[in-house]
Amino acid sequence: MGCNYLSINIYSFNYLRSINLLFTLIMKLQLKTEIKNWYLSEYPTDELGINLKSEITFLDLFKHLDKKDENKDTYNFIFNDYADSLIRERLFSALAEIFKTDYNYIYNKWLHK
């Protein structure tokens, strides 16, 4: 009986690991990735991630940052209610990763530089 239980646990562990790997591949970071889905999968313990707006992609975020409008409100663009600077920084870092550039390039777009 002990061996059967062990083999079931090993099978279950490998199955769950495979599902996690598949989910990671599906959530590959790219411009068309929705920021909320990516954030919640990347930082599952960050409860503030639920405040991100749905259906906004990294491309949408980049286009928003690329606008020359001095009055653009990035926090309002990506968050529903509560805004968090750590989440914004993580999104900017992910965007920099997509563009294969450094964080400062994205950050300076936000600052209109």
PDB file of N, CA and C in Angstrom:
ATOM      1  N   MET A   1       0.818  -1.198   0.000  1.00  0.00           N
ATOM      2  CA  MET A   1       0.000   0.000   0.000  1.00  0.00           C
ATOM      3  C   MET A   1       0.858   1.256   0.000  1.00  0.00           C
ATOM      4  N   GLY A   2       1.967   1.264   0.737  1.00  0.00           N
ATOM      5  CA  GLY A   2       2.851   2.415   0.807  1.00  0.00           C
ATOM      6  C   GLY A   2       3.441   2.761  -0.540  1.00  0.00           C
ATOM      7  N   CYS A   3       3.801   1.772  -1.348  1.00  0.00           N
ATOM      8  CA  CYS A   3       4.389   2.028  -2.664  1.00  0.00           C
ATOM      9  C   CYS A   3       3.377   2.653  -3.611  1.00  0.00           C
ATOM     10  N   ASN A   4       2.132   2.182  -3.574  1.00  0.00           N
ATOM     11  CA  ASN A   4       1.099   2.760  -4.438  1.00  0.00           C
ATOM     12  C   ASN A   4       0.867   4.226  -4.100  1.00  0.00           C
ATOM     13  N   TYR A   5       0.839   4.529  -2.801  1.00  0.00           N
ATOM     14  CA  TYR A   5       0.634   5.900  -2.368  1.00  0.00           C
ATOM     15  C   TYR A   5       1.777   6.779  -2.857  1.00  0.00           C
ATOM     16  N   LEU A   6       3.003   6.282  -2.765  1.00  0.00           N
ATOM     17  CA  LEU A   6       4.173   7.017  -3.202  1.00  0.00           C
ATOM     18  C   LEU A   6       4.127   7.270  -4.708  1.00  0.00           C
ATOM     19  N   SER A   7       3.745   6.250  -5.484  1.00  0.00           N
ATOM     20  CA  SER A   7       3.700   6.424  -6.935  1.00  0.00           C
ATOM     21  C   SER A   7       2.606   7.416  -7.333  1.00  0.00           C
ATOM     22  N   ILE A   8       1.500   7.439  -6.613  1.00  0.00           N
ATOM     23  CA  ILE A   8       0.433   8.408  -6.900  1.00  0.00           C
ATOM     24  C   ILE A   8       0.918   9.817  -6.599  1.00  0.00           C
ATOM     25  N   ASN A   9       1.634   9.981  -5.480  1.00  0.00           N
ATOM     26  CA  ASN A   9       2.151  11.304  -5.130  1.00  0.00           C
ATOM     27  C   ASN A   9       3.182  11.786  -6.146  1.00  0.00           C
ATOM     28  N   ILE A  10       4.055  10.892  -6.606  1.00  0.00           N
ATOM     29  CA  ILE A  10       5.058  11.260  -7.603  1.00  0.00           C
ATOM     30  C   ILE A  10       4.363  11.636  -8.907  1.00  0.00           C
ATOM     31  N   TYR A  11       3.364  10.850  -9.299  1.00  0.00           N
ATOM     32  CA  TYR A  11       2.613  11.143 -10.516  1.00  0.00           C
ATOM     33  C   TYR A  11       1.916  12.498 -10.390  1.00  0.00           C
ATOM     34  N   SER A  12       1.280  12.741  -9.255  1.00  0.00           N
ATOM     35  CA  SER A  12       0.571  14.003  -9.039  1.00  0.00           C
ATOM     36  C   SER A  12       1.544  15.177  -9.076  1.00  0.00           C
ATOM     37  N   PHE A  13       2.711  15.011  -8.449  1.00  0.00           N
ATOM     38  CA  PHE A  13       3.714  16.071  -8.439  1.00  0.00           C
ATOM     39  C   PHE A  13       4.190  16.373  -9.857  1.00  0.00           C
ATOM     40  N   ASN A  14       4.507  15.339 -10.630  1.00  0.00           N
ATOM     41  CA  ASN A  14       4.974  15.540 -12.001  1.00  0.00           C
ATOM     42  C   ASN A  14       3.887  16.171 -12.870  1.00  0.00           C
ATOM     43  N   TYR A  15       2.657  15.755 -12.649  1.00  0.00           N
ATOM     44  CA  TYR A  15       1.530  16.313 -13.399  1.00  0.00           C
ATOM     45  C   TYR A  15       1.378  17.805 -13.105  1.00  0.00           C
ATOM     46  N   LEU A  16       1.424  18.160 -11.811  1.00  0.00           N
ATOM     47  CA  LEU A  16       1.292  19.564 -11.433  1.00  0.00           C
ATOM     48  C   LEU A  16       2.462  20.392 -11.958  1.00  0.00           C
ATOM     49  N   ARG A  17       3.643  19.815 -11.932  1.00  0.00           N
ATOM     50  CA  ARG A  17       4.816  20.514 -12.452  1.00  0.00           C
ATOM     51  C   ARG A  17       4.674  20.749 -13.955  1.00  0.00           C
ATOM     52  N   SER A  18       4.136  19.771 -14.665  1.00  0.00           N
ATOM     53  CA  SER A  18       3.921  19.915 -16.102  1.00  0.00           C
ATOM     54  C   SER A  18       2.897  21.001 -16.404  1.00  0.00           C
ATOM     55  N   ILE A  19       1.843  21.039 -15.627  1.00  0.00           N
ATOM     56  CA  ILE A  19       0.816  22.068 -15.810  1.00  0.00           C
ATOM     57  C   ILE A  19       1.412  23.450 -15.541  1.00  0.00           C
ATOM     58  N   ASN A  20       2.212  23.560 -14.496  1.00  0.00           N
ATOM     59  CA  ASN A  20       2.849  24.839 -14.177  1.00  0.00           C
ATOM     60  C   ASN A  20       3.770  25.282 -15.307  1.00  0.00           C
ATOM     61  N   LEU A  21       4.537  24.353 -15.867  1.00  0.00           N
ATOM     62  CA  LEU A  21       5.420  24.672 -16.982  1.00  0.00           C
ATOM     63  C   LEU A  21       4.622  25.124 -18.196  1.00  0.00           C
ATOM     64  N   LEU A  22       3.533  24.419 -18.493  1.00  0.00           N
ATOM     65  CA  LEU A  22       2.676  24.782 -19.612  1.00  0.00           C
ATOM     66  C   LEU A  22       2.089  26.175 -19.410  1.00  0.00           C
ATOM     67  N   PHE A  23       1.623  26.461 -18.206  1.00  0.00           N
ATOM     68  CA  PHE A  23       1.050  27.773 -17.912  1.00  0.00           C
ATOM     69  C   PHE A  23       2.102  28.859 -18.088  1.00  0.00           C
ATOM     70  N   THR A  24       3.332  28.587 -17.653  1.00  0.00           N
ATOM     71  CA  THR A  24       4.416  29.542 -17.809  1.00  0.00           C
ATOM     72  C   THR A  24       4.684  29.815 -19.282  1.00  0.00           C
ATOM     73  N   LEU A  25       4.666  28.785 -20.099  1.00  0.00           N
ATOM     74  CA  LEU A  25       4.888  28.965 -21.533  1.00  0.00           C
ATOM     75  C   LEU A  25       3.761  29.759 -22.178  1.00  0.00           C
ATOM     76  N   ILE A  26       2.539  29.498 -21.736  1.00  0.00           N
ATOM     77  CA  ILE A  26       1.391  30.220 -22.275  1.00  0.00           C
ATOM     78  C   ILE A  26       1.476  31.699 -21.909  1.00  0.00           C
ATOM     79  N   MET A  27       1.943  32.009 -20.715  1.00  0.00           N
ATOM     80  CA  MET A  27       2.022  33.384 -20.240  1.00  0.00           C
ATOM     81  C   MET A  27       3.335  34.046 -20.658  1.00  0.00           C
ATOM     82  N   LYS A  28       3.922  33.572 -21.744  1.00  0.00           N
ATOM     83  CA  LYS A  28       5.161  34.141 -22.249  1.00  0.00           C
ATOM     84  C   LYS A  28       5.006  35.661 -22.378  1.00  0.00           C
ATOM     85  N   LEU A  29       5.999  36.338 -21.902  1.00  0.00           N
ATOM     86  CA  LEU A  29       5.965  37.792 -21.890  1.00  0.00           C
ATOM     87  C   LEU A  29       6.159  38.334 -23.299  1.00  0.00           C
ATOM     88  N   GLN A  30       5.147  39.036 -23.798  1.00  0.00           N
ATOM     89  CA  GLN A  30       5.211  39.635 -25.122  1.00  0.00           C
ATOM     90  C   GLN A  30       4.267  40.826 -25.168  1.00  0.00           C
ATOM     91  N   LEU A  31       4.341  41.586 -26.227  1.00  0.00           N
ATOM     92  CA  LEU A  31       3.540  42.800 -26.325  1.00  0.00           C
ATOM     93  C   LEU A  31       2.042  42.545 -26.235  1.00  0.00           C
ATOM     94  N   LYS A  32       1.572  41.430 -26.757  1.00  0.00           N
ATOM     95  CA  LYS A  32       0.124  41.170 -26.744  1.00  0.00           C
ATOM     96  C   LYS A  32      -0.362  40.534 -25.436  1.00  0.00           C
ATOM     97  N   THR A  33       0.552  40.314 -24.506  1.00  0.00           N
ATOM     98  CA  THR A  33       0.180  39.753 -23.210  1.00  0.00           C
ATOM     99  C   THR A  33      -0.586  40.783 -22.394  1.00  0.00           C
ATOM    100  N   GLU A  34      -1.699  40.375 -21.803  1.00  0.00           N
ATOM    101  CA  GLU A  34      -2.458  41.269 -20.938  1.00  0.00           C
ATOM    102  C   GLU A  34      -1.703  41.447 -19.629  1.00  0.00           C
ATOM    103  N   ILE A  35      -1.541  42.706 -19.212  1.00  0.00           N
ATOM    104  CA  ILE A  35      -0.709  42.975 -18.044  1.00  0.00           C
ATOM    105  C   ILE A  35      -1.286  42.364 -16.767  1.00  0.00           C
ATOM    106  N   LYS A  36      -2.589  42.371 -16.607  1.00  0.00           N
ATOM    107  CA  LYS A  36      -3.181  41.833 -15.378  1.00  0.00           C
ATOM    108  C   LYS A  36      -2.964  40.324 -15.294  1.00  0.00           C
ATOM    109  N   ASN A  37      -3.222  39.604 -16.372  1.00  0.00           N
ATOM    110  CA  ASN A  37      -3.012  38.149 -16.362  1.00  0.00           C
ATOM    111  C   ASN A  37      -1.554  37.812 -16.093  1.00  0.00           C
ATOM    112  N   TRP A  38      -0.650  38.540 -16.763  1.00  0.00           N
ATOM    113  CA  TRP A  38       0.772  38.292 -16.559  1.00  0.00           C
ATOM    114  C   TRP A  38       1.162  38.581 -15.121  1.00  0.00           C
ATOM    115  N   TYR A  39       0.712  39.714 -14.595  1.00  0.00           N
ATOM    116  CA  TYR A  39       1.106  40.123 -13.244  1.00  0.00           C
ATOM    117  C   TYR A  39       0.618  39.121 -12.203  1.00  0.00           C
ATOM    118  N   LEU A  40      -0.624  38.702 -12.325  1.00  0.00           N
ATOM    119  CA  LEU A  40      -1.177  37.772 -11.346  1.00  0.00           C
ATOM    120  C   LEU A  40      -0.500  36.407 -11.408  1.00  0.00           C
ATOM    121  N   SER A  41      -0.034  36.005 -12.581  1.00  0.00           N
ATOM    122  CA  SER A  41       0.680  34.728 -12.667  1.00  0.00           C
ATOM    123  C   SER A  41       2.128  34.875 -12.197  1.00  0.00           C
ATOM    124  N   GLU A  42       2.714  36.034 -12.413  1.00  0.00           N
ATOM    125  CA  GLU A  42       4.109  36.274 -12.025  1.00  0.00           C
ATOM    126  C   GLU A  42       4.247  36.574 -10.528  1.00  0.00           C
ATOM    127  N   TYR A  43       3.259  37.234  -9.958  1.00  0.00           N
ATOM    128  CA  TYR A  43       3.270  37.632  -8.545  1.00  0.00           C
ATOM    129  C   TYR A  43       1.957  37.192  -7.877  1.00  0.00           C
ATOM    130  N   PRO A  44       1.752  35.889  -7.742  1.00  0.00           N
ATOM    131  CA  PRO A  44       0.464  35.386  -7.238  1.00  0.00           C
ATOM    132  C   PRO A  44       0.155  35.768  -5.789  1.00  0.00           C
ATOM    133  N   THR A  45       1.153  36.133  -5.012  1.00  0.00           N
ATOM    134  CA  THR A  45       0.898  36.491  -3.611  1.00  0.00           C
ATOM    135  C   THR A  45       0.646  37.987  -3.428  1.00  0.00           C
ATOM    136  N   ASP A  46       0.789  38.775  -4.492  1.00  0.00           N
ATOM    137  CA  ASP A  46       0.541  40.203  -4.402  1.00  0.00           C
ATOM    138  C   ASP A  46      -0.945  40.463  -4.610  1.00  0.00           C
ATOM    139  N   GLU A  47      -1.632  40.681  -3.525  1.00  0.00           N
ATOM    140  CA  GLU A  47      -3.086  40.856  -3.569  1.00  0.00           C
ATOM    141  C   GLU A  47      -3.508  42.140  -4.281  1.00  0.00           C
ATOM    142  N   LEU A  48      -2.603  43.097  -4.401  1.00  0.00           N
ATOM    143  CA  LEU A  48      -2.946  44.371  -5.049  1.00  0.00           C
ATOM    144  C   LEU A  48      -3.036  44.248  -6.565  1.00  0.00           C
ATOM    145  N   GLY A  49      -2.544  43.135  -7.111  1.00  0.00           N
ATOM    146  CA  GLY A  49      -2.593  42.923  -8.554  1.00  0.00           C
ATOM    147  C   GLY A  49      -4.003  42.888  -9.112  1.00  0.00           C
ATOM    148  N   ILE A  50      -4.971  42.577  -8.270  1.00  0.00           N
ATOM    149  CA  ILE A  50      -6.363  42.532  -8.747  1.00  0.00           C
ATOM    150  C   ILE A  50      -6.870  43.916  -9.138  1.00  0.00           C
ATOM    151  N   ASN A  51      -6.162  44.967  -8.700  1.00  0.00           N
ATOM    152  CA  ASN A  51      -6.564  46.331  -9.030  1.00  0.00           C
ATOM    153  C   ASN A  51      -6.143  46.765 -10.432  1.00  0.00           C
ATOM    154  N   LEU A  52      -5.380  45.922 -11.122  1.00  0.00           N
ATOM    155  CA  LEU A  52      -5.007  46.246 -12.501  1.00  0.00           C
ATOM    156  C   LEU A  52      -6.229  46.116 -13.406  1.00  0.00           C
ATOM    157  N   LYS A  53      -6.310  46.980 -14.395  1.00  0.00           N
ATOM    158  CA  LYS A  53      -7.415  46.888 -15.348  1.00  0.00           C
ATOM    159  C   LYS A  53      -7.229  45.672 -16.243  1.00  0.00           C
ATOM    160  N   SER A  54      -8.319  45.050 -16.594  1.00  0.00           N
ATOM    161  CA  SER A  54      -8.293  43.890 -17.489  1.00  0.00           C
ATOM    162  C   SER A  54      -8.175  44.352 -18.932  1.00  0.00           C
ATOM    163  N   GLU A  55      -7.688  43.471 -19.760  1.00  0.00           N
ATOM    164  CA  GLU A  55      -7.623  43.624 -21.217  1.00  0.00           C
ATOM    165  C   GLU A  55      -6.607  44.657 -21.710  1.00  0.00           C
ATOM    166  N   ILE A  56      -5.816  45.242 -20.830  1.00  0.00           N
ATOM    167  CA  ILE A  56      -4.758  46.143 -21.271  1.00  0.00           C
ATOM    168  C   ILE A  56      -3.505  45.305 -21.503  1.00  0.00           C
ATOM    169  N   THR A  57      -2.933  45.425 -22.682  1.00  0.00           N
ATOM    170  CA  THR A  57      -1.739  44.654 -23.021  1.00  0.00           C
ATOM    171  C   THR A  57      -0.489  45.508 -22.789  1.00  0.00           C
ATOM    172  N   PHE A  58       0.658  44.847 -22.868  1.00  0.00           N
ATOM    173  CA  PHE A  58       1.907  45.598 -22.764  1.00  0.00           C
ATOM    174  C   PHE A  58       2.059  46.562 -23.940  1.00  0.00           C
ATOM    175  N   LEU A  59       1.519  46.204 -25.089  1.00  0.00           N
ATOM    176  CA  LEU A  59       1.545  47.126 -26.231  1.00  0.00           C
ATOM    177  C   LEU A  59       0.713  48.373 -25.927  1.00  0.00           C
ATOM    178  N   ASP A  60      -0.452  48.175 -25.330  1.00  0.00           N
ATOM    179  CA  ASP A  60      -1.290  49.315 -24.934  1.00  0.00           C
ATOM    180  C   ASP A  60      -0.537  50.223 -23.959  1.00  0.00           C
ATOM    181  N   LEU A  61       0.145  49.607 -23.014  1.00  0.00           N
ATOM    182  CA  LEU A  61       0.903  50.376 -22.032  1.00  0.00           C
ATOM    183  C   LEU A  61       2.024  51.157 -22.716  1.00  0.00           C
ATOM    184  N   PHE A  62       2.726  50.515 -23.644  1.00  0.00           N
ATOM    185  CA  PHE A  62       3.800  51.204 -24.347  1.00  0.00           C
ATOM    186  C   PHE A  62       3.265  52.388 -25.167  1.00  0.00           C
ATOM    187  N   LYS A  63       2.167  52.176 -25.879  1.00  0.00           N
ATOM    188  CA  LYS A  63       1.570  53.263 -26.665  1.00  0.00           C
ATOM    189  C   LYS A  63       1.162  54.425 -25.759  1.00  0.00           C
ATOM    190  N   HIS A  64       0.623  54.079 -24.599  1.00  0.00           N
ATOM    191  CA  HIS A  64       0.247  55.116 -23.631  1.00  0.00           C
ATOM    192  C   HIS A  64       1.475  55.918 -23.192  1.00  0.00           C
ATOM    193  N   LEU A  65       2.556  55.214 -22.863  1.00  0.00           N
ATOM    194  CA  LEU A  65       3.776  55.888 -22.414  1.00  0.00           C
ATOM    195  C   LEU A  65       4.419  56.700 -23.529  1.00  0.00           C
ATOM    196  N   ASP A  66       4.218  56.274 -24.761  1.00  0.00           N
ATOM    197  CA  ASP A  66       4.836  56.930 -25.913  1.00  0.00           C
ATOM    198  C   ASP A  66       4.133  58.234 -26.295  1.00  0.00           C
ATOM    199  N   LYS A  67       2.945  58.461 -25.767  1.00  0.00           N
ATOM    200  CA  LYS A  67       2.220  59.696 -26.053  1.00  0.00           C
ATOM    201  C   LYS A  67       2.994  60.888 -25.502  1.00  0.00           C
ATOM    202  N   LYS A  68       2.926  61.981 -26.204  1.00  0.00           N
ATOM    203  CA  LYS A  68       3.628  63.199 -25.784  1.00  0.00           C
ATOM    204  C   LYS A  68       2.754  64.091 -24.905  1.00  0.00           C
ATOM    205  N   ASP A  69       1.637  63.580 -24.454  1.00  0.00           N
ATOM    206  CA  ASP A  69       0.688  64.334 -23.640  1.00  0.00           C
ATOM    207  C   ASP A  69       1.229  64.505 -22.213  1.00  0.00           C
ATOM    208  N   GLU A  70       1.438  65.740 -21.818  1.00  0.00           N
ATOM    209  CA  GLU A  70       1.946  66.023 -20.476  1.00  0.00           C
ATOM    210  C   GLU A  70       0.932  65.666 -19.384  1.00  0.00           C
ATOM    211  N   ASN A  71      -0.331  65.568 -19.750  1.00  0.00           N
ATOM    212  CA  ASN A  71      -1.380  65.300 -18.765  1.00  0.00           C
ATOM    213  C   ASN A  71      -1.779  63.828 -18.681  1.00  0.00           C
ATOM    214  N   LYS A  72      -1.045  62.953 -19.357  1.00  0.00           N
ATOM    215  CA  LYS A  72      -1.428  61.547 -19.311  1.00  0.00           C
ATOM    216  C   LYS A  72      -1.288  61.020 -17.882  1.00  0.00           C
ATOM    217  N   ASP A  73      -2.222  60.196 -17.503  1.00  0.00           N
ATOM    218  CA  ASP A  73      -2.252  59.640 -16.148  1.00  0.00           C
ATOM    219  C   ASP A  73      -2.040  58.127 -16.239  1.00  0.00           C
ATOM    220  N   THR A  74      -0.815  57.713 -16.088  1.00  0.00           N
ATOM    221  CA  THR A  74      -0.475  56.299 -16.252  1.00  0.00           C
ATOM    222  C   THR A  74      -1.123  55.449 -15.176  1.00  0.00           C
ATOM    223  N   TYR A  75      -1.181  55.949 -13.955  1.00  0.00           N
ATOM    224  CA  TYR A  75      -1.816  55.165 -12.888  1.00  0.00           C
ATOM    225  C   TYR A  75      -3.283  54.918 -13.203  1.00  0.00           C
ATOM    226  N   ASN A  76      -3.971  55.927 -13.678  1.00  0.00           N
ATOM    227  CA  ASN A  76      -5.374  55.763 -14.041  1.00  0.00           C
ATOM    228  C   ASN A  76      -5.535  54.837 -15.247  1.00  0.00           C
ATOM    229  N   PHE A  77      -4.542  54.825 -16.123  1.00  0.00           N
ATOM    230  CA  PHE A  77      -4.592  53.975 -17.310  1.00  0.00           C
ATOM    231  C   PHE A  77      -4.486  52.490 -16.950  1.00  0.00           C
ATOM    232  N   ILE A  78      -3.660  52.145 -15.961  1.00  0.00           N
ATOM    233  CA  ILE A  78      -3.437  50.719 -15.674  1.00  0.00           C
ATOM    234  C   ILE A  78      -4.192  50.192 -14.460  1.00  0.00           C
ATOM    235  N   PHE A  79      -4.645  51.084 -13.574  1.00  0.00           N
ATOM    236  CA  PHE A  79      -5.321  50.634 -12.354  1.00  0.00           C
ATOM    237  C   PHE A  79      -6.793  51.027 -12.348  1.00  0.00           C
ATOM    238  N   ASN A  80      -7.612  50.180 -11.705  1.00  0.00           N
ATOM    239  CA  ASN A  80      -9.025  50.494 -11.510  1.00  0.00           C
ATOM    240  C   ASN A  80      -9.201  51.512 -10.396  1.00  0.00           C
ATOM    241  N   ASP A  81      -8.804  51.143  -9.198  1.00  0.00           N
ATOM    242  CA  ASP A  81      -9.010  52.009  -8.037  1.00  0.00           C
ATOM    243  C   ASP A  81      -7.666  52.348  -7.390  1.00  0.00           C
ATOM    244  N   TYR A  82      -7.191  51.434  -6.620  1.00  0.00           N
ATOM    245  CA  TYR A  82      -5.963  51.643  -5.865  1.00  0.00           C
ATOM    246  C   TYR A  82      -4.739  51.495  -6.763  1.00  0.00           C
ATOM    247  N   ALA A  83      -3.872  52.478  -6.785  1.00  0.00           N
ATOM    248  CA  ALA A  83      -2.654  52.437  -7.589  1.00  0.00           C
ATOM    249  C   ALA A  83      -1.457  52.107  -6.696  1.00  0.00           C
ATOM    250  N   ASP A  84      -0.488  51.395  -7.252  1.00  0.00           N
ATOM    251  CA  ASP A  84       0.672  50.963  -6.476  1.00  0.00           C
ATOM    252  C   ASP A  84       1.942  51.160  -7.309  1.00  0.00           C
ATOM    253  N   SER A  85       2.906  51.875  -6.760  1.00  0.00           N
ATOM    254  CA  SER A  85       4.130  52.177  -7.516  1.00  0.00           C
ATOM    255  C   SER A  85       4.995  50.941  -7.730  1.00  0.00           C
ATOM    256  N   LEU A  86       4.978  49.997  -6.805  1.00  0.00           N
ATOM    257  CA  LEU A  86       5.764  48.771  -6.988  1.00  0.00           C
ATOM    258  C   LEU A  86       5.240  47.983  -8.195  1.00  0.00           C
ATOM    259  N   ILE A  87       3.937  47.889  -8.334  1.00  0.00           N
ATOM    260  CA  ILE A  87       3.355  47.196  -9.486  1.00  0.00           C
ATOM    261  C   ILE A  87       3.733  47.933 -10.768  1.00  0.00           C
ATOM    262  N   ARG A  88       3.638  49.270 -10.759  1.00  0.00           N
ATOM    263  CA  ARG A  88       4.035  50.041 -11.938  1.00  0.00           C
ATOM    264  C   ARG A  88       5.487  49.760 -12.300  1.00  0.00           C
ATOM    265  N   GLU A  89       6.355  49.736 -11.309  1.00  0.00           N
ATOM    266  CA  GLU A  89       7.773  49.450 -11.564  1.00  0.00           C
ATOM    267  C   GLU A  89       7.962  48.064 -12.168  1.00  0.00           C
ATOM    268  N   ARG A  90       7.232  47.088 -11.657  1.00  0.00           N
ATOM    269  CA  ARG A  90       7.329  45.720 -12.188  1.00  0.00           C
ATOM    270  C   ARG A  90       6.834  45.665 -13.636  1.00  0.00           C
ATOM    271  N   LEU A  91       5.766  46.396 -13.938  1.00  0.00           N
ATOM    272  CA  LEU A  91       5.262  46.433 -15.311  1.00  0.00           C
ATOM    273  C   LEU A  91       6.255  47.125 -16.233  1.00  0.00           C
ATOM    274  N   PHE A  92       6.860  48.199 -15.767  1.00  0.00           N
ATOM    275  CA  PHE A  92       7.870  48.886 -16.565  1.00  0.00           C
ATOM    276  C   PHE A  92       9.076  47.977 -16.808  1.00  0.00           C
ATOM    277  N   SER A  93       9.470  47.220 -15.787  1.00  0.00           N
ATOM    278  CA  SER A  93      10.592  46.277 -15.948  1.00  0.00           C
ATOM    279  C   SER A  93      10.261  45.207 -16.971  1.00  0.00           C
ATOM    280  N   ALA A  94       9.030  44.706 -16.925  1.00  0.00           N
ATOM    281  CA  ALA A  94       8.602  43.695 -17.899  1.00  0.00           C
ATOM    282  C   ALA A  94       8.584  44.289 -19.300  1.00  0.00           C
ATOM    283  N   LEU A  95       8.112  45.513 -19.427  1.00  0.00           N
ATOM    284  CA  LEU A  95       8.091  46.180 -20.725  1.00  0.00           C
ATOM    285  C   LEU A  95       9.513  46.374 -21.255  1.00  0.00           C
ATOM    286  N   ALA A  96      10.429  46.729 -20.381  1.00  0.00           N
ATOM    287  CA  ALA A  96      11.831  46.868 -20.777  1.00  0.00           C
ATOM    288  C   ALA A  96      12.393  45.527 -21.236  1.00  0.00           C
ATOM    289  N   GLU A  97      11.984  44.459 -20.559  1.00  0.00           N
ATOM    290  CA  GLU A  97      12.425  43.110 -20.952  1.00  0.00           C
ATOM    291  C   GLU A  97      11.905  42.766 -22.355  1.00  0.00           C
ATOM    292  N   ILE A  98      10.663  43.095 -22.623  1.00  0.00           N
ATOM    293  CA  ILE A  98      10.082  42.825 -23.943  1.00  0.00           C
ATOM    294  C   ILE A  98      10.881  43.551 -25.030  1.00  0.00           C
ATOM    295  N   PHE A  99      11.210  44.813 -24.775  1.00  0.00           N
ATOM    296  CA  PHE A  99      11.933  45.613 -25.759  1.00  0.00           C
ATOM    297  C   PHE A  99      13.448  45.407 -25.702  1.00  0.00           C
ATOM    298  N   LYS A 100      13.871  44.559 -24.796  1.00  0.00           N
ATOM    299  CA  LYS A 100      15.306  44.277 -24.638  1.00  0.00           C
ATOM    300  C   LYS A 100      16.093  45.570 -24.438  1.00  0.00           C
ATOM    301  N   THR A 101      15.584  46.373 -23.521  1.00  0.00           N
ATOM    302  CA  THR A 101      16.221  47.637 -23.177  1.00  0.00           C
ATOM    303  C   THR A 101      16.298  47.737 -21.660  1.00  0.00           C
ATOM    304  N   ASP A 102      16.828  48.811 -21.157  1.00  0.00           N
ATOM    305  CA  ASP A 102      16.891  48.943 -19.707  1.00  0.00           C
ATOM    306  C   ASP A 102      15.650  49.657 -19.170  1.00  0.00           C
ATOM    307  N   TYR A 103      15.454  49.527 -17.893  1.00  0.00           N
ATOM    308  CA  TYR A 103      14.300  50.099 -17.206  1.00  0.00           C
ATOM    309  C   TYR A 103      14.223  51.617 -17.424  1.00  0.00           C
ATOM    310  N   ASN A 104      15.366  52.284 -17.411  1.00  0.00           N
ATOM    311  CA  ASN A 104      15.380  53.747 -17.521  1.00  0.00           C
ATOM    312  C   ASN A 104      14.763  54.247 -18.824  1.00  0.00           C
ATOM    313  N   TYR A 105      14.883  53.487 -19.892  1.00  0.00           N
ATOM    314  CA  TYR A 105      14.272  53.885 -21.164  1.00  0.00           C
ATOM    315  C   TYR A 105      12.756  53.999 -21.005  1.00  0.00           C
ATOM    316  N   ILE A 106      12.149  52.996 -20.391  1.00  0.00           N
ATOM    317  CA  ILE A 106      10.699  52.993 -20.174  1.00  0.00           C
ATOM    318  C   ILE A 106      10.335  54.062 -19.151  1.00  0.00           C
ATOM    319  N   TYR A 107      11.094  54.131 -18.081  1.00  0.00           N
ATOM    320  CA  TYR A 107      10.825  55.100 -17.029  1.00  0.00           C
ATOM    321  C   TYR A 107      10.888  56.533 -17.573  1.00  0.00           C
ATOM    322  N   ASN A 108      11.861  56.816 -18.406  1.00  0.00           N
ATOM    323  CA  ASN A 108      11.988  58.160 -18.983  1.00  0.00           C
ATOM    324  C   ASN A 108      10.841  58.486 -19.938  1.00  0.00           C
ATOM    325  N   LYS A 109      10.301  57.487 -20.603  1.00  0.00           N
ATOM    326  CA  LYS A 109       9.102  57.729 -21.427  1.00  0.00           C
ATOM    327  C   LYS A 109       7.952  58.186 -20.534  1.00  0.00           C
ATOM    328  N   TRP A 110       7.858  57.578 -19.364  1.00  0.00           N
ATOM    329  CA  TRP A 110       6.815  57.947 -18.409  1.00  0.00           C
ATOM    330  C   TRP A 110       7.013  59.392 -17.939  1.00  0.00           C
ATOM    331  N   LEU A 111       8.281  59.782 -17.774  1.00  0.00           N
ATOM    332  CA  LEU A 111       8.590  61.131 -17.304  1.00  0.00           C
ATOM    333  C   LEU A 111       8.646  62.159 -18.436  1.00  0.00           C
ATOM    334  N   HIS A 112       8.333  61.730 -19.663  1.00  0.00           N
ATOM    335  CA  HIS A 112       8.324  62.598 -20.846  1.00  0.00           C
ATOM    336  C   HIS A 112       9.717  63.062 -21.240  1.00  0.00           C
ATOM    337  N   LYS A 113      10.720  62.261 -20.979  1.00  0.00           N
ATOM    338  CA  LYS A 113      12.101  62.639 -21.358  1.00  0.00           C
ATOM    339  C   LYS A 113      12.479  62.015 -22.671  1.00  0.00           C
TER     340      LYS A 113
END
